[in-house]
Each structure stands twice: as C-alpha cells, then as structure tokens.
Amino acid sequence: MIHTLPDWPTFGLGDDARPALDLARAAGEPAALATIVGLDGGGPRPVGTQMVMGETVLSGFLSGGCLEGDVLGHGRACLADGAPRRLVYGAGSPWPDIRLLCGARIDILVERLAPDDAAVGRLIELWRRREPALWISDGERRVCAADAAGAEPWPGAFSRRFEPTPKLVVLGADPTALAIAWLGAEAGFETTLVRPKGPEAPPPFAVAYSRDEPAEALQAVGLDRWTAVAVATHEAETDHAALSVALPSPAFYVGALGARRRAGDRMAWLRAAGVDEVAIARLRTPIGLAIGGKAPWEVAVSVIAEVTEVRYARTSGSTSTGSPAASAAAPAGRRTRASAPANTEISEES
C-alpha cells in the first residue's frame, strides 16, 4: 500500500477513477475509493470527485492538498479491515487540526473495492464500450448500471454518473495541429492525429495516428457525442472533406482553423456539398476562444479551452456558451458561431 504522498502530486492529474481501478483490478489488488459525497460552502473540487488508493496505484485529488494525506491514512485502514468510512472535514469535523482554507465542509465516503467486485467490473466494461454508467454505493453495497437502465439509489446511498472518456480528433500536420493534439492528450482526451498520406512514423508524443483520408479516418475513430473534431490542415479540400463528415455527426464540437474573412466561402462550399443548415450552424470558425495569441501553443490553449467549455455547457444543460445543441436548434438565418465576431481570429492563413 502506498503510505505517503509523493513530493510532487502528479497523481492528482488523473481526474478519472476508472483507469486506476482498472490497473488495480488487472493486478488482482483491492483499492480504496474515496468520493466527495457532500459539500457545503464551496470547495476546490465538486461532489462526485474521487481518489483511488491501492498497493501500486494512487490517482485523483479531493482538495487543494489540505486533506489528501489524511484520506490516504483512512484508505489504508479501510483496505486493512474492509469497513467503509464517512469522513467530515471543515465545519463539524472531529479533526479540527485539518483546516480547509476555502472554508468548506467536505463529506467523503471511503470504501474498499475487491478486485473481483461486480460493480467495478461493470463500470470498467461500460467504460470500454463507451457507454455512460451510473455508480451507486453506500460503502457496504454498490451497483453499477448502464445509465439508461433505470437504477435508483436507496436511502443512505450516493450516486454519480460516469460518461465515456472524451475523444479529440485533430486533422493537420503543422506545429499548430501538433500543439492542439499534444495538449489535448495531456488534458485527458483520447486523441487521434489525422494526417492524410503523412509519414509512416507516428508523431513523437502519445496520441493515436492515422494516415487515411478524412472520411475514412473519422469513420474509423467513430464520432460519437463525446467526440470533438478540430480541423487545422490549411488545405481547403481536406478541410471540406473532414467537415462534410464531422458536422452531420453526433460529435459535440466541430471547429476549423481559418480566417473569418473566408468563412463565407467555407459555408457556401458546405451548402453546395449538401450539408444542411442545422449542421453548418454547429461549426466554430475561427476556432478557439478569444485569447489573442497566434503561436501554436497559444492556439492550442484556446482550442482546448473552447472544447472544454462546450463539453461542460453540454453536460450542464447551459446554453450560455453557444453550445452545439443550442446552435443546432437555431433558425437558418440566425447568426452562428461561424460568423459571430466574438471568436478569436486565430489565423489569416487558411
């Protein structure tokens, strides 16, 4: 069992408990799962945030570093005796020496998960199948079901929803496309870089790589509603081929690098190719949030930020960011993100 936190908390960069649970399960090791089940007065992490602790795995963080060390101790005890713990930090806590500078009260459930736990197995199965899952547990009893299965929490149980890991497909070959793909992978997206007829050697960082033409590459990746597509090829025909597939798809985000002054030509081509107005209204071009930078990493930051903004607006039901669902429902004559002046003019080269 990991007994102390490392000096550098890189374990906290993993915000999804499923990869760590999968590693522990594959190694035949039990794991302690800590979940924020209650929060009062704000806090750095939301309800549902999780931390996994085991013999060889440590992943996730629950605060700004105020309580992880103490939770790790309770995780060790939970693994030893199998009994779940309900921990309270902040107001009403039995440990007044552990101070939360945010002023919040944080309630945490710690439970022991055996490597053959049926709920964990189901959670991993649904994760691999890219299906949403509903996790319900009171620390002693737990179930995991497909999100549409109608499972209901019982008194004293906590539930949280898991969505499939978000995917990002980047089309392009220049430093900007590489930066978008690289940053996307570092941000936790299952990332694929598509470079038609590109070199056989893959890019020098950890992403999937395709040399196929856009239609074939996008079909192979699979554009579900948890997928974002960033088109950044600087080649009109390749851009159009990618957009004509991506825009009518369920992908939650489709953006294209390019100058605002050329957006009209792009829209005209898409209409001529038979892409309908609802699909065209989903296109975000120029791509990225308006942060003002044009260097590759600056563009990458703006793109990943916009993808993240749209992703969370979509899951929360908010339309304040002009989410794809809101754009798709707009009348054909309404101004869309494709023509809105608020976007950053990232490039005048495409």
Protein backbone atom coordinates (compact mmCIF):
# COMPACT_ATOMS: atom_id res chain seq x y z
CA MET A 1 0.00 0.00 0.00
CA ILE A 2 1.26 3.49 -0.79
CA HIS A 3 1.87 5.01 2.65
CA THR A 4 2.83 8.60 1.93
CA LEU A 5 2.02 11.13 -0.74
CA PRO A 6 4.80 11.84 -3.22
CA ASP A 7 6.55 15.20 -3.04
CA TRP A 8 5.05 16.22 -6.38
CA PRO A 9 1.31 15.49 -6.59
CA THR A 10 1.24 14.27 -10.18
CA PHE A 11 -1.23 11.61 -9.04
CA GLY A 12 -3.81 14.40 -8.96
CA LEU A 13 -3.56 14.96 -12.69
CA GLY A 14 -5.67 11.85 -13.22
CA ASP A 15 -9.26 13.00 -12.70
CA ASP A 16 -10.99 9.79 -13.81
CA ALA A 17 -11.04 6.92 -11.30
CA ARG A 18 -11.64 4.24 -13.94
CA PRO A 19 -8.08 3.86 -15.30
CA ALA A 20 -6.69 3.45 -11.77
CA LEU A 21 -9.42 0.99 -10.80
CA ASP A 22 -8.70 -0.95 -13.98
CA LEU A 23 -4.99 -1.13 -13.12
CA ALA A 24 -5.70 -2.36 -9.60
CA ARG A 25 -8.20 -4.90 -10.91
CA ALA A 26 -5.74 -6.19 -13.53
CA ALA A 27 -3.09 -6.60 -10.83
CA GLY A 28 -5.52 -8.51 -8.60
CA GLU A 29 -5.27 -5.85 -5.90
CA PRO A 30 -8.02 -4.25 -3.81
CA ALA A 31 -8.38 -0.49 -3.93
CA ALA A 32 -9.83 2.13 -1.63
CA LEU A 33 -12.12 4.60 -3.38
CA ALA A 34 -12.71 7.98 -1.73
CA THR A 35 -15.63 10.03 -3.09
CA ILE A 36 -16.81 13.51 -2.17
CA VAL A 37 -20.46 12.84 -1.34
CA GLY A 38 -21.32 16.18 0.25
CA LEU A 39 -20.07 19.75 0.01
CA ASP A 40 -21.13 22.88 1.80
CA GLY A 41 -19.69 26.37 1.43
CA GLY A 42 -17.80 25.82 -1.79
CA GLY A 43 -14.57 23.95 -2.33
CA PRO A 44 -11.93 23.31 -4.99
CA ARG A 45 -13.49 20.02 -6.19
CA PRO A 46 -17.17 19.21 -6.85
CA VAL A 47 -19.36 16.48 -5.39
CA GLY A 48 -18.54 13.19 -7.10
CA THR A 49 -14.78 13.80 -7.26
CA GLN A 50 -12.86 10.62 -6.49
CA MET A 51 -9.44 9.41 -5.34
CA VAL A 52 -8.16 5.83 -5.76
CA MET A 53 -5.61 4.34 -3.35
CA GLY A 54 -4.03 0.90 -3.52
CA GLU A 55 -0.85 -1.12 -3.34
CA THR A 56 0.52 0.28 -6.60
CA VAL A 57 -2.00 2.92 -7.66
CA LEU A 58 -2.70 6.44 -6.46
CA SER A 59 -4.86 8.72 -8.56
CA GLY A 60 -7.09 11.75 -8.12
CA PHE A 61 -7.28 14.60 -5.63
CA LEU A 62 -10.06 15.91 -3.42
CA SER A 63 -8.89 19.36 -2.34
CA GLY A 64 -6.03 21.77 -2.77
CA GLY A 65 -3.78 19.46 -0.75
CA CYS A 66 -5.44 20.10 2.63
CA LEU A 67 -6.69 16.60 3.31
CA GLU A 68 -5.25 14.10 0.82
CA GLY A 69 -2.64 12.84 3.28
CA ASP A 70 -5.28 12.16 5.93
CA VAL A 71 -7.60 10.49 3.43
CA LEU A 72 -4.72 8.25 2.38
CA GLY A 73 -4.38 7.10 6.01
CA HIS A 74 -8.09 6.27 6.16
CA GLY A 75 -7.75 4.48 2.83
CA ARG A 76 -5.03 2.25 4.28
CA ALA A 77 -7.23 1.45 7.27
CA CYS A 78 -10.20 0.72 5.01
CA LEU A 79 -8.15 -1.70 2.94
CA ALA A 80 -6.97 -3.43 6.11
CA ASP A 81 -10.33 -4.01 7.80
CA GLY A 82 -12.79 -3.62 4.90
CA ALA A 83 -15.02 -1.22 6.80
CA PRO A 84 -16.18 1.92 4.94
CA ARG A 85 -15.53 5.35 6.42
CA ARG A 86 -17.56 8.54 6.36
CA LEU A 87 -15.17 11.44 6.80
CA VAL A 88 -16.05 15.05 7.52
CA TYR A 89 -13.58 17.91 7.07
CA GLY A 90 -14.25 21.55 7.89
CA ALA A 91 -17.34 22.54 9.88
CA GLY A 92 -18.38 19.72 12.21
CA SER A 93 -15.18 17.73 11.66
CA PRO A 94 -13.69 15.68 14.52
CA TRP A 95 -10.26 16.73 13.26
CA PRO A 96 -10.05 20.50 13.92
CA ASP A 97 -6.30 20.42 13.19
CA ILE A 98 -7.05 19.78 9.49
CA ARG A 99 -8.03 23.21 8.31
CA LEU A 100 -9.72 23.93 5.00
CA LEU A 101 -8.65 27.38 3.86
CA CYS A 102 -11.62 27.50 1.46
CA GLY A 103 -13.97 27.43 4.45
CA ALA A 104 -15.95 24.49 3.09
CA ARG A 105 -17.34 21.38 4.73
CA ILE A 106 -16.40 18.28 2.74
CA ASP A 107 -18.03 14.88 3.31
CA ILE A 108 -16.15 11.88 1.94
CA LEU A 109 -17.06 8.21 1.63
CA VAL A 110 -14.13 5.75 1.63
CA GLU A 111 -14.90 2.19 0.57
CA ARG A 112 -12.89 -0.93 -0.15
CA LEU A 113 -13.25 -2.41 -3.63
CA ALA A 114 -12.14 -6.00 -4.11
CA PRO A 115 -10.52 -6.86 -7.45
CA ASP A 116 -13.49 -9.09 -8.29
CA ASP A 117 -16.12 -6.55 -7.23
CA ALA A 118 -19.04 -6.91 -9.65
CA ALA A 119 -19.85 -3.19 -9.71
CA VAL A 120 -16.25 -2.30 -10.58
CA GLY A 121 -16.25 -4.92 -13.31
CA ARG A 122 -19.43 -3.48 -14.78
CA LEU A 123 -18.03 0.06 -14.57
CA ILE A 124 -14.90 -0.95 -16.50
CA GLU A 125 -16.98 -2.88 -19.04
CA LEU A 126 -19.19 0.13 -19.79
CA TRP A 127 -16.14 2.41 -19.91
CA ARG A 128 -14.53 0.23 -22.57
CA ARG A 129 -17.77 0.14 -24.53
CA ARG A 130 -18.02 3.94 -24.33
CA GLU A 131 -21.39 3.83 -22.62
CA PRO A 132 -22.49 6.10 -19.75
CA ALA A 133 -22.67 4.41 -16.36
CA LEU A 134 -24.44 5.10 -13.09
CA TRP A 135 -22.48 4.21 -9.92
CA ILE A 136 -24.48 3.82 -6.69
CA SER A 137 -22.91 2.95 -3.33
CA ASP A 138 -23.33 3.36 0.40
CA GLY A 139 -19.89 1.90 1.15
CA GLU A 140 -21.20 -1.56 2.00
CA ARG A 141 -23.34 -2.26 -1.05
CA ARG A 142 -22.80 -0.95 -4.54
CA VAL A 143 -24.19 -1.39 -8.03
CA CYS A 144 -23.20 -0.07 -11.42
CA ALA A 145 -25.65 0.01 -14.29
CA ALA A 146 -25.91 1.40 -17.78
CA ASP A 147 -27.14 4.96 -17.45
CA ALA A 148 -30.44 4.15 -19.16
CA ALA A 149 -31.11 1.04 -17.06
CA GLY A 150 -33.23 2.90 -14.52
CA ALA A 151 -31.22 2.04 -11.40
CA GLU A 152 -32.22 4.11 -8.36
CA PRO A 153 -30.20 4.95 -5.23
CA TRP A 154 -31.51 3.65 -1.92
CA PRO A 155 -31.59 5.56 1.41
CA GLY A 156 -28.05 6.39 2.50
CA ALA A 157 -26.54 5.65 -0.91
CA PHE A 158 -24.70 8.12 -3.14
CA SER A 159 -24.87 8.07 -6.92
CA ARG A 160 -22.76 9.60 -9.63
CA ARG A 161 -22.78 9.38 -13.41
CA PHE A 162 -19.77 8.40 -15.49
CA GLU A 163 -19.55 9.48 -19.12
CA PRO A 164 -17.23 7.93 -21.70
CA THR A 165 -13.73 9.40 -21.86
CA PRO A 166 -13.87 12.38 -24.24
CA LYS A 167 -12.18 11.93 -27.61
CA LEU A 168 -10.42 14.54 -29.72
CA VAL A 169 -9.63 14.19 -33.42
CA VAL A 170 -7.19 16.71 -34.87
CA LEU A 171 -6.62 16.95 -38.62
CA GLY A 172 -3.41 18.63 -39.71
CA ALA A 173 0.36 18.45 -39.83
CA ASP A 174 1.80 21.87 -38.96
CA PRO A 175 3.03 22.93 -35.49
CA THR A 176 -0.39 24.31 -34.58
CA ALA A 177 -2.12 21.00 -35.28
CA LEU A 178 0.61 19.17 -33.36
CA ALA A 179 0.21 21.52 -30.39
CA ILE A 180 -3.58 21.02 -30.34
CA ALA A 181 -3.21 17.24 -30.41
CA TRP A 182 -0.42 17.20 -27.84
CA LEU A 183 -2.26 19.47 -25.39
CA GLY A 184 -5.49 17.55 -25.90
CA ALA A 185 -3.78 14.30 -24.94
CA GLU A 186 -2.23 15.92 -21.88
CA ALA A 187 -5.67 17.26 -20.92
CA GLY A 188 -7.13 13.74 -20.80
CA PHE A 189 -8.71 13.39 -24.24
CA GLU A 190 -8.31 10.14 -26.18
CA THR A 191 -6.60 11.92 -29.03
CA THR A 192 -6.08 10.93 -32.66
CA LEU A 193 -3.99 12.97 -35.09
CA VAL A 194 -5.04 12.56 -38.72
CA ARG A 195 -2.51 13.44 -41.43
CA PRO A 196 -3.57 12.02 -44.79
CA LYS A 197 -0.63 10.41 -46.62
CA GLY A 198 1.63 11.54 -43.77
CA PRO A 199 4.89 9.88 -42.77
CA GLU A 200 4.73 6.30 -41.60
CA ALA A 201 6.40 7.17 -38.31
CA PRO A 202 3.87 8.43 -35.74
CA PRO A 203 4.20 11.83 -34.07
CA PRO A 204 6.72 11.99 -31.20
CA PHE A 205 4.12 12.14 -28.43
CA ALA A 206 1.43 9.81 -27.12
CA VAL A 207 -1.54 10.03 -29.49
CA ALA A 208 -3.15 7.67 -31.96
CA TYR A 209 -2.18 8.40 -35.57
CA SER A 210 -3.97 7.92 -38.89
CA ARG A 211 -2.65 8.44 -42.43
CA ASP A 212 -6.07 7.83 -44.01
CA GLU A 213 -8.15 10.36 -45.87
CA PRO A 214 -10.53 12.34 -43.62
CA ALA A 215 -13.72 10.36 -44.27
CA GLU A 216 -12.03 7.00 -43.64
CA ALA A 217 -10.10 8.28 -40.63
CA LEU A 218 -13.15 9.82 -38.96
CA GLN A 219 -15.23 6.71 -39.59
CA ALA A 220 -12.51 4.55 -38.02
CA VAL A 221 -12.29 6.76 -34.92
CA GLY A 222 -16.07 6.86 -34.52
CA LEU A 223 -17.68 10.25 -33.96
CA ASP A 224 -19.98 9.80 -31.01
CA ARG A 225 -21.46 12.54 -28.82
CA TRP A 226 -18.38 12.57 -26.61
CA THR A 227 -16.03 13.42 -29.50
CA ALA A 228 -14.56 16.77 -30.56
CA VAL A 229 -13.09 17.43 -34.01
CA ALA A 230 -10.53 20.17 -34.71
CA VAL A 231 -9.77 20.73 -38.39
CA ALA A 232 -6.45 22.50 -38.95
CA THR A 233 -4.96 21.35 -42.24
CA HIS A 234 -4.58 24.63 -44.24
CA GLU A 235 -5.80 22.64 -47.25
CA ALA A 236 -9.28 23.58 -48.44
CA GLU A 237 -10.16 20.22 -49.98
CA THR A 238 -9.02 18.26 -46.90
CA ASP A 239 -10.83 20.69 -44.60
CA HIS A 240 -14.05 20.36 -46.61
CA ALA A 241 -13.82 16.58 -46.71
CA ALA A 242 -13.43 16.47 -42.93
CA LEU A 243 -16.18 18.98 -42.20
CA SER A 244 -18.68 17.31 -44.50
CA VAL A 245 -18.36 14.18 -42.33
CA ALA A 246 -17.91 15.78 -38.91
CA LEU A 247 -20.69 18.38 -38.98
CA PRO A 248 -23.62 15.97 -39.59
CA SER A 249 -22.19 13.55 -37.00
CA PRO A 250 -23.07 13.37 -33.27
CA ALA A 251 -19.69 14.95 -32.34
CA PHE A 252 -20.31 17.58 -29.66
CA TYR A 253 -17.74 20.01 -31.08
CA VAL A 254 -16.53 20.74 -34.60
CA GLY A 255 -14.10 23.60 -35.19
CA ALA A 256 -11.99 24.71 -38.12
CA LEU A 257 -8.87 26.85 -38.25
CA GLY A 258 -9.20 29.73 -40.69
CA ALA A 259 -9.62 33.43 -41.21
CA ARG A 260 -13.02 34.96 -40.53
CA ARG A 261 -13.00 36.64 -43.94
CA ARG A 262 -13.01 33.19 -45.59
CA ALA A 263 -15.82 31.75 -43.50
CA GLY A 264 -18.41 32.72 -46.13
CA ASP A 265 -16.65 30.68 -48.82
CA ARG A 266 -16.47 27.73 -46.47
CA MET A 267 -20.19 27.94 -45.67
CA ALA A 268 -21.04 28.17 -49.37
CA TRP A 269 -18.99 25.06 -50.14
CA LEU A 270 -20.65 23.10 -47.35
CA ARG A 271 -24.10 24.08 -48.61
CA ALA A 272 -23.14 23.10 -52.15
CA ALA A 273 -21.93 19.75 -50.82
CA GLY A 274 -25.36 19.12 -49.32
CA VAL A 275 -24.59 19.80 -45.66
CA ASP A 276 -27.78 21.16 -44.10
CA GLU A 277 -28.10 24.45 -42.23
CA VAL A 278 -28.54 22.82 -38.82
CA ALA A 279 -25.23 21.00 -39.22
CA ILE A 280 -23.46 24.08 -40.62
CA ALA A 281 -24.65 26.13 -37.64
CA ARG A 282 -22.55 23.86 -35.39
CA LEU A 283 -19.26 24.91 -36.97
CA ARG A 284 -16.93 27.04 -34.86
CA THR A 285 -14.66 29.06 -37.06
CA PRO A 286 -12.32 30.77 -36.46
CA ILE A 287 -11.54 28.04 -33.98
CA GLY A 288 -10.85 28.64 -30.29
CA LEU A 289 -11.65 31.14 -27.56
CA ALA A 290 -10.65 34.78 -27.97
CA ILE A 291 -7.39 34.88 -26.01
CA GLY A 292 -5.47 36.94 -28.56
CA GLY A 293 -2.50 34.62 -29.24
CA LYS A 294 -1.48 33.10 -32.56
CA ALA A 295 1.57 30.99 -31.68
CA PRO A 296 1.00 27.20 -31.86
CA TRP A 297 0.70 26.63 -28.12
CA GLU A 298 -1.45 29.73 -27.71
CA VAL A 299 -3.85 28.49 -30.37
CA ALA A 300 -3.84 25.05 -28.76
CA VAL A 301 -4.75 26.55 -25.39
CA SER A 302 -7.63 28.48 -26.98
CA VAL A 303 -8.93 25.39 -28.79
CA ILE A 304 -8.77 23.01 -25.82
CA ALA A 305 -10.37 25.72 -23.67
CA GLU A 306 -13.26 26.10 -26.12
CA VAL A 307 -13.71 22.33 -26.42
CA THR A 308 -13.79 22.07 -22.62
CA GLU A 309 -16.23 24.98 -22.34
CA VAL A 310 -18.62 23.39 -24.83
CA ARG A 311 -18.26 19.99 -23.20
CA TYR A 312 -19.29 21.25 -19.77
CA ALA A 313 -22.01 23.53 -21.12
CA ARG A 314 -23.46 20.49 -22.84
CA THR A 315 -23.43 18.27 -19.75
CA SER A 316 -24.83 21.02 -17.51
CA GLY A 317 -27.57 21.98 -19.94
CA SER A 318 -26.32 25.58 -20.15
CA THR A 319 -26.52 27.37 -23.47
CA SER A 320 -24.54 30.43 -22.38
CA THR A 321 -21.51 29.39 -24.39
CA GLY A 322 -23.40 28.77 -27.62
CA SER A 323 -23.25 25.01 -27.22
CA PRO A 324 -23.71 22.77 -30.26
CA ALA A 325 -27.19 21.74 -29.12
CA ALA A 326 -28.29 25.38 -28.98
CA SER A 327 -26.72 26.20 -32.33
CA ALA A 328 -28.30 23.19 -33.99
CA ALA A 329 -31.75 24.36 -32.92
CA ALA A 330 -31.25 27.90 -34.23
CA PRO A 331 -33.13 29.08 -37.33
CA ALA A 332 -31.08 29.06 -40.51
CA GLY A 333 -30.98 32.84 -40.71
CA ARG A 334 -29.68 33.37 -37.20
CA ARG A 335 -26.06 34.42 -36.63
CA THR A 336 -23.99 31.41 -35.62
CA ARG A 337 -20.54 30.82 -34.21
CA ALA A 338 -19.35 30.54 -37.79
CA SER A 339 -19.96 34.25 -38.30
CA ALA A 340 -20.01 35.68 -34.77
CA PRO A 341 -17.41 38.44 -34.24
CA ALA A 342 -16.63 37.30 -30.67
CA ASN A 343 -14.35 34.46 -31.80
CA THR A 344 -10.59 34.85 -31.91
CA GLU A 345 -9.22 35.46 -35.35
CA ILE A 346 -6.62 32.76 -34.90
CA SER A 347 -5.19 32.67 -38.40
CA GLU A 348 -5.29 34.59 -41.62
CA GLU A 349 -3.53 31.81 -43.49
CA SER A 350 -6.34 29.34 -44.18
